[in-house]
């Protein structure tokens, strides 16, 4: 299904005007939805891991699930920090991507696809590297690649808008 989506998006680059802008916006929205799904799934993952490990931050949760209150569980903190890092990076990316496509600054579908695919891939890798405690510079490199995508989009917006 992924390859079909990409093929459809590339084929639609032959269209012009509104249709071309529409295809870039659709690609931006699709990748934004994938990233938002990743972001939205983490609270559930963290909650299930808290229950599994019996480690909670609220007394009532600890009593209800038969666990303990503990703020220093290494695994839970790793999950939380990974999620917080996603919030700090994914939300600006989505805003920049949607602004870049809806204003026409990034009207080129291939550019939108490359930036969105690279960002999505490096954010997935960043999470994986974070959770498996991969040696540096793997995690740092994936993080920095995502930051570069954000700076690229911001630069395109700042320099490409005429008013």
C-alpha atoms as a PDB file:
ATOM      1  CA  UNK A   1       0.000   0.000   0.000  1.00  0.00           C
ATOM      2  CA  UNK A   2       2.904   2.348   0.718  1.00  0.00           C
ATOM      3  CA  UNK A   3       4.470   1.884  -2.719  1.00  0.00           C
ATOM      4  CA  UNK A   4       1.063   2.375  -4.340  1.00  0.00           C
ATOM      5  CA  UNK A   5       0.669   5.684  -2.476  1.00  0.00           C
ATOM      6  CA  UNK A   6       4.091   6.895  -3.555  1.00  0.00           C
ATOM      7  CA  UNK A   7       3.471   5.819  -7.193  1.00  0.00           C
ATOM      8  CA  UNK A   8       0.131   7.621  -7.224  1.00  0.00           C
ATOM      9  CA  UNK A   9       1.756  10.738  -5.826  1.00  0.00           C
ATOM     10  CA  UNK A  10       4.566  10.677  -8.390  1.00  0.00           C
ATOM     11  CA  UNK A  11       2.158  10.089 -11.280  1.00  0.00           C
ATOM     12  CA  UNK A  12       0.137  13.076 -10.194  1.00  0.00           C
ATOM     13  CA  UNK A  13       3.190  15.336 -10.638  1.00  0.00           C
ATOM     14  CA  UNK A  14       2.273  15.472 -14.304  1.00  0.00           C
ATOM     15  CA  UNK A  15      -0.777  17.538 -13.421  1.00  0.00           C
ATOM     16  CA  UNK A  16      -0.595  21.313 -13.194  1.00  0.00           C
ATOM     17  CA  UNK A  17      -1.879  24.199 -11.128  1.00  0.00           C
ATOM     18  CA  UNK A  18      -4.346  23.375  -8.380  1.00  0.00           C
ATOM     19  CA  UNK A  19      -4.103  19.624  -9.009  1.00  0.00           C
ATOM     20  CA  UNK A  20      -0.324  19.725  -8.488  1.00  0.00           C
ATOM     21  CA  UNK A  21      -0.635  21.718  -5.269  1.00  0.00           C
ATOM     22  CA  UNK A  22      -3.387  19.374  -4.122  1.00  0.00           C
ATOM     23  CA  UNK A  23      -1.130  16.340  -4.570  1.00  0.00           C
ATOM     24  CA  UNK A  24       1.685  17.934  -2.552  1.00  0.00           C
ATOM     25  CA  UNK A  25      -0.721  18.843   0.238  1.00  0.00           C
ATOM     26  CA  UNK A  26      -2.127  15.303   0.230  1.00  0.00           C
ATOM     27  CA  UNK A  27       1.390  13.860   0.505  1.00  0.00           C
ATOM     28  CA  UNK A  28       2.162  16.248   3.372  1.00  0.00           C
ATOM     29  CA  UNK A  29      -1.070  15.321   5.152  1.00  0.00           C
ATOM     30  CA  UNK A  30      -0.417  11.585   4.699  1.00  0.00           C
ATOM     31  CA  UNK A  31       3.069  11.764   6.235  1.00  0.00           C
ATOM     32  CA  UNK A  32       1.752  14.036   8.983  1.00  0.00           C
ATOM     33  CA  UNK A  33      -0.889  11.421   9.820  1.00  0.00           C
ATOM     34  CA  UNK A  34       1.772   8.684  10.022  1.00  0.00           C
ATOM     35  CA  UNK A  35       3.879  10.817  12.363  1.00  0.00           C
ATOM     36  CA  UNK A  36       0.865  11.778  14.484  1.00  0.00           C
ATOM     37  CA  UNK A  37      -0.077   8.110  14.808  1.00  0.00           C
ATOM     38  CA  UNK A  38       3.438   7.404  16.082  1.00  0.00           C
ATOM     39  CA  UNK A  39       3.117  10.293  18.519  1.00  0.00           C
ATOM     40  CA  UNK A  40      -0.349   9.245  19.705  1.00  0.00           C
ATOM     41  CA  UNK A  41       0.651   5.613  20.258  1.00  0.00           C
ATOM     42  CA  UNK A  42       3.361   6.354  22.805  1.00  0.00           C
ATOM     43  CA  UNK A  43       1.138   7.287  25.787  1.00  0.00           C
ATOM     44  CA  UNK A  44      -0.562   3.901  25.379  1.00  0.00           C
ATOM     45  CA  UNK A  45       2.799   2.124  25.130  1.00  0.00           C
ATOM     46  CA  UNK A  46       4.069   3.950  28.227  1.00  0.00           C
ATOM     47  CA  UNK A  47       0.885   3.179  30.163  1.00  0.00           C
ATOM     48  CA  UNK A  48       0.982  -0.516  29.278  1.00  0.00           C
ATOM     49  CA  UNK A  49       4.645  -0.677  30.268  1.00  0.00           C
ATOM     50  CA  UNK A  50       3.838   0.978  33.603  1.00  0.00           C
ATOM     51  CA  UNK A  51       1.200  -1.694  34.275  1.00  0.00           C
ATOM     52  CA  UNK A  52       3.516  -4.504  33.155  1.00  0.00           C
ATOM     53  CA  UNK A  53       6.383  -3.254  35.336  1.00  0.00           C
ATOM     54  CA  UNK A  54       4.162  -2.205  38.262  1.00  0.00           C
ATOM     55  CA  UNK A  55       5.708   1.262  38.321  1.00  0.00           C
ATOM     56  CA  UNK A  56       3.468   4.314  38.640  1.00  0.00           C
ATOM     57  CA  UNK A  57       3.679   8.018  39.441  1.00  0.00           C
ATOM     58  CA  UNK A  58       0.342   8.254  41.282  1.00  0.00           C
ATOM     59  CA  UNK A  59      -0.588   6.483  44.525  1.00  0.00           C
ATOM     60  CA  UNK A  60      -4.081   5.603  43.292  1.00  0.00           C
ATOM     61  CA  UNK A  61      -2.680   3.897  40.184  1.00  0.00           C
ATOM     62  CA  UNK A  62      -0.153   1.942  42.245  1.00  0.00           C
ATOM     63  CA  UNK A  63      -2.904   0.772  44.619  1.00  0.00           C
ATOM     64  CA  UNK A  64      -5.315  -0.110  41.810  1.00  0.00           C
ATOM     65  CA  UNK A  65      -2.775  -2.098  39.766  1.00  0.00           C
ATOM     66  CA  UNK A  66      -0.830  -3.473  42.727  1.00  0.00           C
ATOM     67  CA  UNK A  67       2.398  -1.644  41.982  1.00  0.00           C
ATOM     68  CA  UNK A  68       4.652   0.941  43.549  1.00  0.00           C
ATOM     69  CA  UNK A  69       5.197   4.655  43.114  1.00  0.00           C
ATOM     70  CA  UNK A  70       8.569   5.139  41.496  1.00  0.00           C
ATOM     71  CA  UNK A  71       9.878   8.003  39.395  1.00  0.00           C
ATOM     72  CA  UNK A  72      13.204   6.478  38.396  1.00  0.00           C
ATOM     73  CA  UNK A  73      12.401   3.332  36.419  1.00  0.00           C
ATOM     74  CA  UNK A  74      15.033   3.368  33.666  1.00  0.00           C
ATOM     75  CA  UNK A  75      12.857   1.745  30.977  1.00  0.00           C
ATOM     76  CA  UNK A  76       9.814   3.937  31.619  1.00  0.00           C
ATOM     77  CA  UNK A  77      12.008   7.043  31.617  1.00  0.00           C
ATOM     78  CA  UNK A  78      13.573   5.987  28.313  1.00  0.00           C
ATOM     79  CA  UNK A  79      10.107   5.605  26.792  1.00  0.00           C
ATOM     80  CA  UNK A  80       9.038   8.981  28.177  1.00  0.00           C
ATOM     81  CA  UNK A  81      12.160  10.786  26.959  1.00  0.00           C
ATOM     82  CA  UNK A  82      11.761   9.271  23.508  1.00  0.00           C
ATOM     83  CA  UNK A  83       8.153  10.485  23.429  1.00  0.00           C
ATOM     84  CA  UNK A  84       9.106  13.976  24.613  1.00  0.00           C
ATOM     85  CA  UNK A  85      11.790  14.148  21.928  1.00  0.00           C
ATOM     86  CA  UNK A  86       9.174  13.193  19.336  1.00  0.00           C
ATOM     87  CA  UNK A  87       6.889  15.986  20.547  1.00  0.00           C
ATOM     88  CA  UNK A  88       9.734  18.495  20.274  1.00  0.00           C
ATOM     89  CA  UNK A  89      10.582  17.451  16.715  1.00  0.00           C
ATOM     90  CA  UNK A  90       7.473  16.035  15.039  1.00  0.00           C
ATOM     91  CA  UNK A  91       5.036  18.855  15.836  1.00  0.00           C
ATOM     92  CA  UNK A  92       7.263  21.594  14.346  1.00  0.00           C
ATOM     93  CA  UNK A  93       7.903  19.394  11.298  1.00  0.00           C
ATOM     94  CA  UNK A  94       4.204  18.886  10.656  1.00  0.00           C
ATOM     95  CA  UNK A  95       3.486  22.597  11.001  1.00  0.00           C
ATOM     96  CA  UNK A  96       6.389  23.537   8.705  1.00  0.00           C
ATOM     97  CA  UNK A  97       5.500  20.855   6.145  1.00  0.00           C
ATOM     98  CA  UNK A  98       1.844  21.854   5.954  1.00  0.00           C
ATOM     99  CA  UNK A  99       2.681  25.554   5.806  1.00  0.00           C
ATOM    100  CA  UNK A 100       5.258  24.913   3.079  1.00  0.00           C
ATOM    101  CA  UNK A 101       2.834  22.957   0.921  1.00  0.00           C
ATOM    102  CA  UNK A 102      -0.318  25.026   1.442  1.00  0.00           C
ATOM    103  CA  UNK A 103       1.472  28.305   0.686  1.00  0.00           C
ATOM    104  CA  UNK A 104       2.988  26.835  -2.457  1.00  0.00           C
ATOM    105  CA  UNK A 105       6.561  27.353  -1.252  1.00  0.00           C
ATOM    106  CA  UNK A 106       7.113  23.613  -1.722  1.00  0.00           C
ATOM    107  CA  UNK A 107       5.046  23.025  -4.830  1.00  0.00           C
ATOM    108  CA  UNK A 108       7.369  20.302  -6.094  1.00  0.00           C
ATOM    109  CA  UNK A 109       5.963  16.905  -5.122  1.00  0.00           C
ATOM    110  CA  UNK A 110       9.325  15.134  -5.310  1.00  0.00           C
ATOM    111  CA  UNK A 111      10.837  17.551  -2.785  1.00  0.00           C
ATOM    112  CA  UNK A 112       7.880  17.135  -0.433  1.00  0.00           C
ATOM    113  CA  UNK A 113       8.147  13.356  -0.681  1.00  0.00           C
ATOM    114  CA  UNK A 114      11.900  13.284  -0.085  1.00  0.00           C
ATOM    115  CA  UNK A 115      11.766  15.627   2.917  1.00  0.00           C
ATOM    116  CA  UNK A 116       8.762  13.830   4.438  1.00  0.00           C
ATOM    117  CA  UNK A 117      10.210  10.354   3.826  1.00  0.00           C
ATOM    118  CA  UNK A 118      13.621  11.262   5.229  1.00  0.00           C
ATOM    119  CA  UNK A 119      12.107  12.890   8.304  1.00  0.00           C
ATOM    120  CA  UNK A 120       9.722   9.996   8.949  1.00  0.00           C
ATOM    121  CA  UNK A 121      12.495   7.440   8.530  1.00  0.00           C
ATOM    122  CA  UNK A 122      14.952   9.221  10.804  1.00  0.00           C
ATOM    123  CA  UNK A 123      12.312   9.728  13.511  1.00  0.00           C
ATOM    124  CA  UNK A 124      11.491   6.011  13.435  1.00  0.00           C
ATOM    125  CA  UNK A 125      15.199   5.215  13.603  1.00  0.00           C
ATOM    126  CA  UNK A 126      15.711   7.715  16.426  1.00  0.00           C
ATOM    127  CA  UNK A 127      13.049   5.973  18.501  1.00  0.00           C
ATOM    128  CA  UNK A 128      14.529   2.561  17.750  1.00  0.00           C
ATOM    129  CA  UNK A 129      18.049   3.727  18.616  1.00  0.00           C
ATOM    130  CA  UNK A 130      16.764   5.328  21.813  1.00  0.00           C
ATOM    131  CA  UNK A 131      14.915   2.230  22.986  1.00  0.00           C
ATOM    132  CA  UNK A 132      17.666  -0.280  22.228  1.00  0.00           C
ATOM    133  CA  UNK A 133      20.343   2.056  23.657  1.00  0.00           C
ATOM    134  CA  UNK A 134      22.273   1.989  20.376  1.00  0.00           C
ATOM    135  CA  UNK A 135      25.752   3.448  20.569  1.00  0.00           C
ATOM    136  CA  UNK A 136      26.273   7.048  19.580  1.00  0.00           C
ATOM    137  CA  UNK A 137      26.426   8.635  17.049  1.00  0.00           C
ATOM    138  CA  UNK A 138      23.478   6.605  15.695  1.00  0.00           C
ATOM    139  CA  UNK A 139      20.816   8.314  17.793  1.00  0.00           C
ATOM    140  CA  UNK A 140      22.434  11.738  17.504  1.00  0.00           C
ATOM    141  CA  UNK A 141      22.767  11.357  13.737  1.00  0.00           C
ATOM    142  CA  UNK A 142      19.130  10.416  13.307  1.00  0.00           C
ATOM    143  CA  UNK A 143      18.054  13.311  15.544  1.00  0.00           C
ATOM    144  CA  UNK A 144      20.244  15.792  13.665  1.00  0.00           C
ATOM    145  CA  UNK A 145      18.920  14.599  10.301  1.00  0.00           C
ATOM    146  CA  UNK A 146      15.386  15.389  11.469  1.00  0.00           C
ATOM    147  CA  UNK A 147      16.472  18.805  12.717  1.00  0.00           C
ATOM    148  CA  UNK A 148      18.010  19.514   9.305  1.00  0.00           C
ATOM    149  CA  UNK A 149      14.658  18.690   7.671  1.00  0.00           C
ATOM    150  CA  UNK A 150      12.955  21.203   9.981  1.00  0.00           C
ATOM    151  CA  UNK A 151      15.550  23.891   9.225  1.00  0.00           C
ATOM    152  CA  UNK A 152      15.263  23.217   5.496  1.00  0.00           C
ATOM    153  CA  UNK A 153      11.485  23.701   5.594  1.00  0.00           C
ATOM    154  CA  UNK A 154      11.761  26.820   7.761  1.00  0.00           C
ATOM    155  CA  UNK A 155      14.380  28.301   5.413  1.00  0.00           C
ATOM    156  CA  UNK A 156      12.203  27.558   2.379  1.00  0.00           C
ATOM    157  CA  UNK A 157       9.236  29.263   4.056  1.00  0.00           C
ATOM    158  CA  UNK A 158      11.173  32.321   5.175  1.00  0.00           C
ATOM    159  CA  UNK A 159      12.904  32.877   1.862  1.00  0.00           C
ATOM    160  CA  UNK A 160      10.155  31.662  -0.472  1.00  0.00           C
ATOM    161  CA  UNK A 161       7.172  33.686   0.654  1.00  0.00           C
ATOM    162  CA  UNK A 162       6.463  36.966  -1.084  1.00  0.00           C
ATOM    163  CA  UNK A 163       4.088  39.457   0.435  1.00  0.00           C
END
